Protein backbone atom coordinates (compact mmCIF):
# COMPACT_ATOMS: atom_id res chain seq x y z
CA MET A 1 -0.03 0.04 0.00
CA LYS A 2 2.84 2.37 0.81
CA LEU A 3 4.25 1.84 -2.71
CA VAL A 4 0.94 2.58 -4.34
CA ASP A 5 0.67 5.72 -2.23
CA ASP A 6 4.19 6.79 -3.30
CA LEU A 7 3.43 5.90 -6.87
CA SER A 8 0.09 7.71 -7.06
CA TYR A 9 1.76 10.69 -8.82
CA TYR A 10 3.73 8.50 -11.17
CA GLN A 11 1.94 5.38 -12.31
CA LYS A 12 -1.03 4.73 -14.59
CA GLY A 13 -2.43 1.27 -14.09
CA PHE A 14 -1.43 -2.24 -13.55
CA LEU A 15 1.17 -2.46 -16.39
CA ARG A 16 3.20 0.48 -15.25
CA LEU A 17 3.07 -0.57 -11.65
CA GLN A 18 4.45 -4.01 -12.63
CA VAL A 19 7.38 -2.37 -14.43
CA VAL A 20 8.07 0.16 -11.66
CA VAL A 21 8.03 -2.48 -8.93
CA PHE A 22 10.38 -4.68 -10.95
CA ASP A 23 12.74 -1.77 -11.39
CA ILE A 24 12.65 -0.59 -7.75
CA GLN A 25 13.09 -4.16 -6.45
CA ASN A 26 16.21 -4.53 -8.65
CA GLN A 27 17.67 -1.14 -7.86
CA ILE A 28 17.42 -1.76 -4.11
CA ARG A 29 18.90 -5.21 -4.43
CA ASN A 30 21.71 -3.89 -6.63
CA ILE A 31 22.88 -1.59 -3.93
CA GLY A 32 23.06 -4.56 -1.59
CA SER A 33 19.94 -4.15 0.46
CA THR A 34 17.41 -6.85 1.08
CA GLN A 35 14.81 -4.38 2.34
CA THR A 36 12.66 -4.55 -0.74
CA PHE A 37 9.83 -6.51 -2.30
CA ASN A 38 10.21 -10.17 -3.00
CA TYR A 39 8.25 -10.70 -6.15
CA ASP A 40 9.16 -13.17 -8.84
CA PHE A 41 8.89 -11.68 -12.37
CA ILE A 42 8.85 -13.21 -15.80
CA ARG A 43 9.46 -11.64 -19.15
CA TRP A 44 6.08 -10.91 -20.71
CA GLU A 45 4.71 -9.19 -23.77
CA TYR A 46 4.16 -5.83 -22.03
CA GLY A 47 7.12 -5.84 -19.64
CA PRO A 48 8.21 -7.67 -16.47
CA TYR A 49 5.20 -9.39 -14.98
CA SER A 50 4.55 -10.92 -11.51
CA LYS A 51 1.45 -12.99 -10.85
CA GLU A 52 2.10 -12.53 -7.13
CA LEU A 53 2.03 -8.75 -7.50
CA GLU A 54 -1.13 -8.93 -9.52
CA ASN A 55 -2.75 -11.09 -6.89
CA ASP A 56 -1.71 -8.71 -4.10
CA LEU A 57 -3.18 -5.80 -5.95
CA LYS A 58 -6.43 -7.58 -6.64
CA HIS A 59 -6.64 -8.60 -3.00
CA LEU A 60 -6.08 -4.99 -1.85
CA ILE A 61 -8.77 -3.80 -4.21
CA GLU A 62 -11.22 -6.47 -3.12
CA SER A 63 -10.49 -5.63 0.52
CA GLY A 64 -11.37 -1.96 -0.16
CA LEU A 65 -7.85 -0.67 0.68
CA MET A 66 -7.20 0.40 -2.87
CA VAL A 67 -9.36 1.43 -5.81
CA GLU A 68 -8.92 1.49 -9.55
CA ASP A 69 -9.92 4.81 -10.92
CA ASN A 70 -9.57 5.65 -14.67
CA ASN A 71 -6.87 2.97 -14.95
CA ASN A 72 -4.95 4.43 -11.98
CA ILE A 73 -4.47 2.32 -8.83
CA LEU A 74 -4.95 4.49 -5.79
CA LEU A 75 -5.33 4.08 -1.99
CA SER A 76 -8.95 4.30 -0.81
CA ASP A 77 -9.80 6.38 2.21
CA LYS A 78 -9.75 3.07 4.24
CA GLY A 79 -6.25 2.34 2.84
CA LYS A 80 -4.98 5.82 3.63
CA THR A 81 -6.30 5.50 7.22
CA LEU A 82 -4.57 2.13 7.70
CA LEU A 83 -1.33 3.35 6.14
CA ASN A 84 -1.24 6.52 8.37
CA LYS A 85 -1.99 4.41 11.42
CA ASN A 86 0.89 2.09 10.69
CA SER A 87 3.38 4.52 9.05
CA SER A 88 5.93 4.34 11.84
CA ASN A 89 6.09 0.52 11.56
CA ILE A 90 6.32 0.67 7.82
CA GLN A 91 9.27 3.08 7.78
CA LYS A 92 11.22 0.73 10.15
CA PHE A 93 11.09 -2.09 7.57
CA TYR A 94 10.94 -0.14 4.35
CA TYR A 95 14.09 0.91 2.54
CA ASN A 96 15.37 4.48 2.92
CA GLU A 97 12.81 5.32 5.68
CA GLY A 98 9.93 4.76 3.29
CA ASN A 99 11.13 7.11 0.53
CA LEU A 100 11.07 5.40 -2.87
CA HIS A 101 10.92 8.64 -4.91
CA PRO A 102 14.65 8.55 -5.69
CA PHE A 103 14.17 5.15 -7.30
CA MET A 104 11.25 6.35 -9.40
CA SER A 105 12.76 9.51 -10.87
CA ASP A 106 13.37 7.80 -14.23
CA THR A 107 9.87 6.52 -14.53
CA LYS A 108 7.78 9.63 -13.82
CA ASP A 109 7.37 11.15 -17.21
CA THR A 110 8.36 8.26 -19.43
CA GLU A 111 5.70 6.67 -21.63
CA LEU A 112 4.94 3.04 -20.81
CA LYS A 113 6.31 1.66 -24.14
CA GLN A 114 9.59 3.58 -23.67
CA LEU A 115 9.78 2.68 -19.99
CA VAL A 116 9.50 -1.08 -20.82
CA LEU A 117 12.26 -0.70 -23.51
CA ASN A 118 14.45 1.15 -20.97
CA ILE A 119 13.92 -1.53 -18.35
CA TYR A 120 14.53 -4.35 -20.81
CA ASP A 121 17.88 -2.68 -21.81
CA LYS A 122 18.87 -1.85 -18.22
CA TYR A 123 18.44 -5.42 -16.97
CA ASN A 124 19.22 -7.32 -20.23
CA VAL A 125 15.63 -8.70 -20.24
CA LYS A 126 15.71 -9.12 -24.04
CA GLU A 127 18.11 -11.98 -23.53
CA ARG A 128 15.37 -13.96 -21.72
CA LYS A 129 12.75 -15.99 -23.54
CA MET A 130 9.11 -14.96 -23.24
CA GLY A 131 7.77 -16.36 -19.97
CA GLN A 132 11.26 -16.99 -18.55
CA LYS A 133 11.87 -15.97 -14.91
CA LEU A 134 13.83 -12.76 -14.43
CA ILE A 135 16.37 -12.90 -11.65
CA SER A 136 17.78 -9.92 -9.79
CA SER A 137 21.51 -9.37 -10.25
CA LEU A 138 21.89 -9.69 -6.42
CA TYR A 139 21.03 -13.31 -6.69
CA LYS A 140 23.05 -14.18 -9.75
CA MET A 141 25.82 -16.67 -9.12
């Protein structure tokens, strides 16, 4: 929920959120931190894709903590209340005291198609077959 709140100014829908979460997760792991998400991604037609992330988002929407509005995924009032109530706990376990904006600077104004191409180049995703699991460089042997 914290991520969606942070991304509310940046992202437009499920596809962009998938790409941005993949990028943030890898950026944080690449600097040596394990304080990040733990989603498994595969190469897919429209960018990195995680079924787990999709399921989490659907669950949060079904629970009324998030809403989809005009293809944007936003926190509902219920979600904002819960996030504010638990913000001190989230910051203890969330990288960089809960501030993900530095990791999202490259994604803010980039169109989705170009963003996917940039991410594919940045992480050599093009070398993977469609449907193949994408592994963070932190875990490469």
